[in-house]
């Protein structure tokens, strides 16, 4: 995919945000800090925070879920709470086309266009970044694809991390793929029939529209506890003599394998948790990090 480089004005906006965006950012994070007791009561399972480099200089690589939002909100919240930094999430390119309050809000919470030049600028400044290599494909899950990474060979995150000697921290979230249940499989008649309209709606070729249900037969989200784990940092320093493309592929594979292991482990852990469906009667027995 070809990216249109950001103008000098847009790059400056990422670093020196307009006063209205700065005020909105301060209000959002003040509210987040005040909600800490409420978040603790919700019993989100989180471990591995001790793996986050204290200087905030690292790239988080995570899995998108069918719900689309828990992995963004929960990851950003706990990184800020633990390190006091604002996570810069590499979002879709179309963010550049946003205007008005929607753009102000996206920028206030840390979202930036997911482009190499943007990531490079932020890495040069030592900021904390988050990327979901699967993008929209990771969210468009069909039956049997829960917690499967849909990266389609994408390794741009590894290339930019290696170029800036930026540690990669895999971060996995389980729970978001169970908020909605997918009823049809990929390559089913329904999926094939909806590929054309799907491309117009979500912009991905060759992918139809998942048929989902939430609570009962409705589209109301099913109550699910969220399980978040930050893995061990992966050094991207290229050994002397290692070819750049080979090392990039190695970093991509190491990250993917580490993330897949995290997701598998969290699913196993969740199996024995009586509070996995947020049953209030099981709140006191909720599984806690060791």
Protein backbone atom coordinates (compact mmCIF):
# COMPACT_ATOMS: atom_id res chain seq x y z
CA UNK A 1 0.00 0.00 0.00
CA UNK A 2 1.29 3.46 -0.95
CA UNK A 3 1.10 6.14 1.73
CA UNK A 4 0.93 9.85 0.99
CA UNK A 5 3.54 11.50 3.22
CA UNK A 6 2.20 13.95 5.76
CA UNK A 7 2.89 17.62 5.17
CA UNK A 8 5.23 19.51 7.46
CA UNK A 9 2.13 21.19 8.93
CA UNK A 10 0.47 17.86 9.73
CA UNK A 11 3.65 16.45 11.26
CA UNK A 12 3.98 19.53 13.44
CA UNK A 13 0.36 19.10 14.56
CA UNK A 14 1.19 15.61 15.85
CA UNK A 15 3.83 17.02 18.18
CA UNK A 16 2.59 20.53 18.95
CA UNK A 17 -1.14 19.96 19.25
CA UNK A 18 -3.55 22.91 19.03
CA UNK A 19 -4.59 24.34 22.42
CA UNK A 20 -8.14 22.98 22.11
CA UNK A 21 -6.77 19.45 21.56
CA UNK A 22 -4.39 19.80 24.51
CA UNK A 23 -7.27 20.91 26.76
CA UNK A 24 -9.39 17.99 25.62
CA UNK A 25 -6.48 15.59 26.22
CA UNK A 26 -5.97 16.91 29.75
CA UNK A 27 -9.69 16.53 30.52
CA UNK A 28 -9.81 12.96 29.18
CA UNK A 29 -6.80 11.78 31.16
CA UNK A 30 -7.94 13.56 34.31
CA UNK A 31 -11.24 11.69 34.02
CA UNK A 32 -9.37 8.41 33.42
CA UNK A 33 -7.32 8.96 36.57
CA UNK A 34 -10.48 9.63 38.55
CA UNK A 35 -12.07 6.41 37.29
CA UNK A 36 -9.30 4.22 38.68
CA UNK A 37 -11.44 2.83 41.58
CA UNK A 38 -14.25 1.99 39.14
CA UNK A 39 -11.84 0.18 36.81
CA UNK A 40 -10.52 -1.84 39.74
CA UNK A 41 -14.06 -2.84 40.69
CA UNK A 42 -14.65 -4.10 37.15
CA UNK A 43 -11.93 -6.73 37.74
CA UNK A 44 -10.22 -6.45 34.37
CA UNK A 45 -7.52 -9.13 34.44
CA UNK A 46 -4.14 -7.61 33.62
CA UNK A 47 -0.61 -8.88 34.08
CA UNK A 48 2.87 -8.25 32.70
CA UNK A 49 2.96 -4.52 33.44
CA UNK A 50 6.44 -5.06 34.89
CA UNK A 51 7.57 -5.95 31.36
CA UNK A 52 7.02 -2.41 30.07
CA UNK A 53 10.30 -0.49 29.66
CA UNK A 54 10.25 2.35 32.17
CA UNK A 55 11.43 4.98 29.69
CA UNK A 56 8.29 4.51 27.59
CA UNK A 57 10.38 3.85 24.49
CA UNK A 58 8.75 0.77 22.96
CA UNK A 59 6.27 -0.40 20.34
CA UNK A 60 3.27 -2.39 21.53
CA UNK A 61 1.98 -4.91 18.98
CA UNK A 62 -1.49 -6.26 19.68
CA UNK A 63 -4.48 -8.18 18.37
CA UNK A 64 -7.64 -6.50 17.21
CA UNK A 65 -10.88 -8.16 18.30
CA UNK A 66 -14.34 -8.41 16.80
CA UNK A 67 -15.58 -5.84 19.32
CA UNK A 68 -12.97 -3.40 18.04
CA UNK A 69 -12.67 -1.13 21.09
CA UNK A 70 -11.66 -3.04 24.28
CA UNK A 71 -8.09 -3.68 23.15
CA UNK A 72 -7.57 0.02 22.42
CA UNK A 73 -9.16 1.45 25.56
CA UNK A 74 -7.87 -1.15 28.02
CA UNK A 75 -4.30 -1.15 26.69
CA UNK A 76 -4.06 2.63 26.59
CA UNK A 77 -5.56 2.99 30.05
CA UNK A 78 -3.18 0.58 31.80
CA UNK A 79 -0.07 1.87 30.02
CA UNK A 80 -0.96 5.41 31.11
CA UNK A 81 -1.77 4.28 34.63
CA UNK A 82 1.50 2.35 34.98
CA UNK A 83 3.95 4.68 33.24
CA UNK A 84 2.11 8.00 33.07
CA UNK A 85 2.55 8.22 29.29
CA UNK A 86 0.02 8.72 26.53
CA UNK A 87 -0.04 5.86 24.06
CA UNK A 88 0.21 6.89 20.41
CA UNK A 89 -1.96 4.49 18.45
CA UNK A 90 -1.19 4.05 14.76
CA UNK A 91 -4.67 4.32 13.21
CA UNK A 92 -5.97 4.16 9.65
CA UNK A 93 -4.61 6.49 6.97
CA UNK A 94 -8.05 8.05 6.55
CA UNK A 95 -7.59 9.77 9.88
CA UNK A 96 -5.87 12.51 7.85
CA UNK A 97 -9.25 13.24 6.26
CA UNK A 98 -11.05 13.71 9.59
CA UNK A 99 -12.15 17.20 10.56
CA UNK A 100 -13.73 19.04 13.46
CA UNK A 101 -14.36 17.48 16.87
CA UNK A 102 -13.87 13.89 15.67
CA UNK A 103 -10.29 14.66 14.66
CA UNK A 104 -9.66 16.63 17.85
CA UNK A 105 -10.91 13.71 19.94
CA UNK A 106 -8.83 11.14 18.06
CA UNK A 107 -5.69 13.24 18.45
CA UNK A 108 -6.42 13.98 22.11
CA UNK A 109 -6.43 10.29 23.03
CA UNK A 110 -3.21 9.74 21.07
CA UNK A 111 -4.31 8.39 17.69
CA UNK A 112 -2.09 9.20 14.71
CA UNK A 113 -2.20 8.16 11.04
CA UNK A 114 -0.60 4.73 10.64
CA UNK A 115 2.20 5.77 8.29
CA UNK A 116 5.94 5.03 8.35
CA UNK A 117 6.91 8.71 8.46
CA UNK A 118 4.59 9.32 11.42
CA UNK A 119 5.94 6.31 13.32
CA UNK A 120 9.52 7.34 12.54
CA UNK A 121 8.93 10.88 13.85
CA UNK A 122 7.40 9.59 17.09
CA UNK A 123 10.14 6.99 17.57
CA UNK A 124 12.80 9.66 17.16
CA UNK A 125 11.12 11.43 20.06
CA UNK A 126 11.02 8.28 22.19
CA UNK A 127 7.22 8.03 22.40
CA UNK A 128 5.19 4.91 23.22
CA UNK A 129 3.42 3.45 20.19
CA UNK A 130 0.68 0.87 19.63
CA UNK A 131 -0.06 -0.94 16.38
CA UNK A 132 -2.42 -3.70 15.28
CA UNK A 133 -0.75 -5.20 12.18
CA UNK A 134 -3.95 -6.99 11.14
CA UNK A 135 -5.84 -3.70 10.90
CA UNK A 136 -9.48 -4.11 9.90
CA UNK A 137 -8.96 -7.74 8.87
CA UNK A 138 -8.29 -8.65 12.50
CA UNK A 139 -11.74 -7.31 13.44
CA UNK A 140 -13.68 -8.99 10.64
CA UNK A 141 -13.71 -12.44 12.23
CA UNK A 142 -15.84 -15.30 10.97
CA UNK A 143 -16.88 -18.44 12.82
CA UNK A 144 -13.85 -20.32 14.14
CA UNK A 145 -11.43 -17.40 13.68
CA UNK A 146 -11.61 -16.05 17.25
CA UNK A 147 -8.22 -14.82 18.46
CA UNK A 148 -6.55 -15.76 15.19
CA UNK A 149 -4.12 -13.14 13.87
CA UNK A 150 -5.02 -11.96 10.35
CA UNK A 151 -1.74 -10.25 9.50
CA UNK A 152 -1.55 -11.37 5.86
CA UNK A 153 2.25 -11.17 5.87
CA UNK A 154 2.36 -7.57 7.08
CA UNK A 155 5.72 -6.74 8.61
CA UNK A 156 5.96 -2.95 8.33
CA UNK A 157 5.87 -2.65 12.11
CA UNK A 158 8.99 -4.81 12.34
CA UNK A 159 10.79 -2.78 9.66
CA UNK A 160 10.25 0.53 11.41
CA UNK A 161 11.09 -0.92 14.84
CA UNK A 162 14.37 -2.38 13.55
CA UNK A 163 15.24 0.89 11.79
CA UNK A 164 14.97 2.77 15.10
CA UNK A 165 16.23 -0.03 17.38
CA UNK A 166 12.84 0.10 19.13
CA UNK A 167 11.89 -2.77 21.47
CA UNK A 168 8.65 -4.58 20.60
CA UNK A 169 6.28 -5.57 23.40
CA UNK A 170 3.52 -8.03 22.38
CA UNK A 171 0.20 -7.30 24.10
CA UNK A 172 -2.74 -9.69 23.90
CA UNK A 173 -6.36 -9.20 24.86
CA UNK A 174 -8.90 -12.01 25.27
CA UNK A 175 -12.61 -11.30 25.72
CA UNK A 176 -13.23 -8.97 22.81
CA UNK A 177 -13.87 -11.78 20.31
CA UNK A 178 -16.63 -13.14 22.56
CA UNK A 179 -18.67 -9.95 22.89
CA UNK A 180 -20.27 -10.94 19.60
CA UNK A 181 -20.62 -14.44 18.18
CA UNK A 182 -19.97 -14.99 14.48
CA UNK A 183 -22.57 -17.27 12.92
CA UNK A 184 -21.07 -18.00 9.50
CA UNK A 185 -17.71 -19.27 8.29
CA UNK A 186 -15.36 -17.61 5.85
CA UNK A 187 -16.03 -18.81 2.27
CA UNK A 188 -19.60 -19.69 3.22
CA UNK A 189 -22.33 -18.68 0.74
CA UNK A 190 -23.19 -15.66 2.90
CA UNK A 191 -19.58 -14.46 3.10
CA UNK A 192 -19.02 -14.83 -0.65
CA UNK A 193 -22.33 -13.14 -1.47
CA UNK A 194 -21.50 -10.08 0.66
CA UNK A 195 -17.94 -9.44 -0.56
CA UNK A 196 -18.97 -6.69 -2.95
CA UNK A 197 -20.99 -4.69 -0.45
CA UNK A 198 -18.39 -5.51 2.19
CA UNK A 199 -15.62 -3.86 0.19
CA UNK A 200 -17.75 -0.71 -0.14
CA UNK A 201 -18.47 -0.66 3.60
CA UNK A 202 -15.16 -1.68 5.17
CA UNK A 203 -12.75 -1.19 2.26
CA UNK A 204 -11.24 -4.68 2.29
CA UNK A 205 -11.30 -6.68 -0.93
CA UNK A 206 -12.20 -10.35 -0.87
CA UNK A 207 -13.87 -10.16 2.55
CA UNK A 208 -17.60 -10.28 3.17
CA UNK A 209 -19.63 -9.14 6.15
CA UNK A 210 -19.65 -11.34 9.26
CA UNK A 211 -23.12 -12.30 10.48
CA UNK A 212 -23.07 -11.59 14.22
CA UNK A 213 -25.22 -11.86 17.28
CA UNK A 214 -24.67 -10.54 20.77
CA UNK A 215 -26.80 -11.10 23.84
CA UNK A 216 -29.46 -13.65 22.87
CA UNK A 217 -30.57 -12.90 19.33
CA UNK A 218 -29.76 -9.20 19.60
CA UNK A 219 -26.73 -7.09 18.78
CA UNK A 220 -26.37 -5.98 22.39
CA UNK A 221 -22.81 -6.80 23.55
CA UNK A 222 -22.52 -9.99 25.58
CA UNK A 223 -21.01 -9.40 29.06
CA UNK A 224 -17.41 -10.62 28.99
CA UNK A 225 -14.47 -10.10 31.34
CA UNK A 226 -11.38 -8.75 29.59
CA UNK A 227 -7.97 -10.41 30.00
CA UNK A 228 -4.88 -8.37 29.11
CA UNK A 229 -1.24 -9.44 29.14
CA UNK A 230 1.95 -7.54 28.27
CA UNK A 231 4.68 -9.91 27.11
CA UNK A 232 8.43 -9.77 27.44
CA UNK A 233 10.13 -7.04 25.35
CA UNK A 234 11.70 -8.27 22.12
CA UNK A 235 14.97 -6.57 21.23
CA UNK A 236 15.09 -5.52 17.57
CA UNK A 237 18.82 -4.73 17.48
CA UNK A 238 20.11 -6.28 14.25
CA UNK A 239 23.15 -8.52 14.70
CA UNK A 240 26.25 -7.68 12.71
CA UNK A 241 26.15 -9.42 9.36
CA UNK A 242 22.41 -10.14 9.42
CA UNK A 243 20.60 -9.14 6.23
CA UNK A 244 17.99 -6.41 6.78
CA UNK A 245 15.11 -8.27 5.13
CA UNK A 246 15.92 -11.52 6.92
CA UNK A 247 16.09 -9.79 10.30
CA UNK A 248 12.82 -7.96 9.62
CA UNK A 249 11.12 -11.30 8.88
CA UNK A 250 12.62 -12.75 12.04
CA UNK A 251 11.28 -9.91 14.17
CA UNK A 252 7.85 -10.23 12.62
CA UNK A 253 7.75 -13.98 13.27
CA UNK A 254 9.04 -13.68 16.84
CA UNK A 255 6.40 -11.07 17.62
CA UNK A 256 3.60 -13.08 16.05
CA UNK A 257 4.63 -16.27 17.84
CA UNK A 258 4.88 -14.47 21.20
CA UNK A 259 1.46 -12.87 20.73
CA UNK A 260 -0.15 -16.15 19.68
CA UNK A 261 1.29 -17.80 22.81
CA UNK A 262 -0.15 -15.02 24.99
CA UNK A 263 -3.61 -15.38 23.44
CA UNK A 264 -3.58 -19.16 23.84
CA UNK A 265 -2.49 -18.89 27.47
CA UNK A 266 -5.12 -16.27 28.33
CA UNK A 267 -7.86 -18.40 26.76
CA UNK A 268 -6.77 -21.39 28.86
CA UNK A 269 -6.65 -19.20 31.97
CA UNK A 270 -10.12 -17.82 31.28
CA UNK A 271 -11.61 -21.32 31.02
CA UNK A 272 -11.42 -21.81 34.78
CA UNK A 273 -12.53 -18.30 35.75
CA UNK A 274 -16.04 -18.25 37.30
CA UNK A 275 -16.27 -14.52 36.60
CA UNK A 276 -15.57 -14.75 32.86
CA UNK A 277 -19.18 -13.78 31.98
CA UNK A 278 -19.30 -11.00 34.61
CA UNK A 279 -21.71 -12.90 36.82
CA UNK A 280 -21.93 -10.63 39.91
CA UNK A 281 -22.35 -13.68 42.16
CA UNK A 282 -18.87 -14.82 41.13
CA UNK A 283 -17.19 -11.40 41.53
CA UNK A 284 -15.40 -12.39 44.74
CA UNK A 285 -14.00 -15.56 43.13
CA UNK A 286 -12.66 -13.82 40.02
CA UNK A 287 -9.30 -15.15 38.95
CA UNK A 288 -6.48 -12.79 39.88
CA UNK A 289 -2.93 -12.45 38.50
CA UNK A 290 -0.40 -14.41 40.56
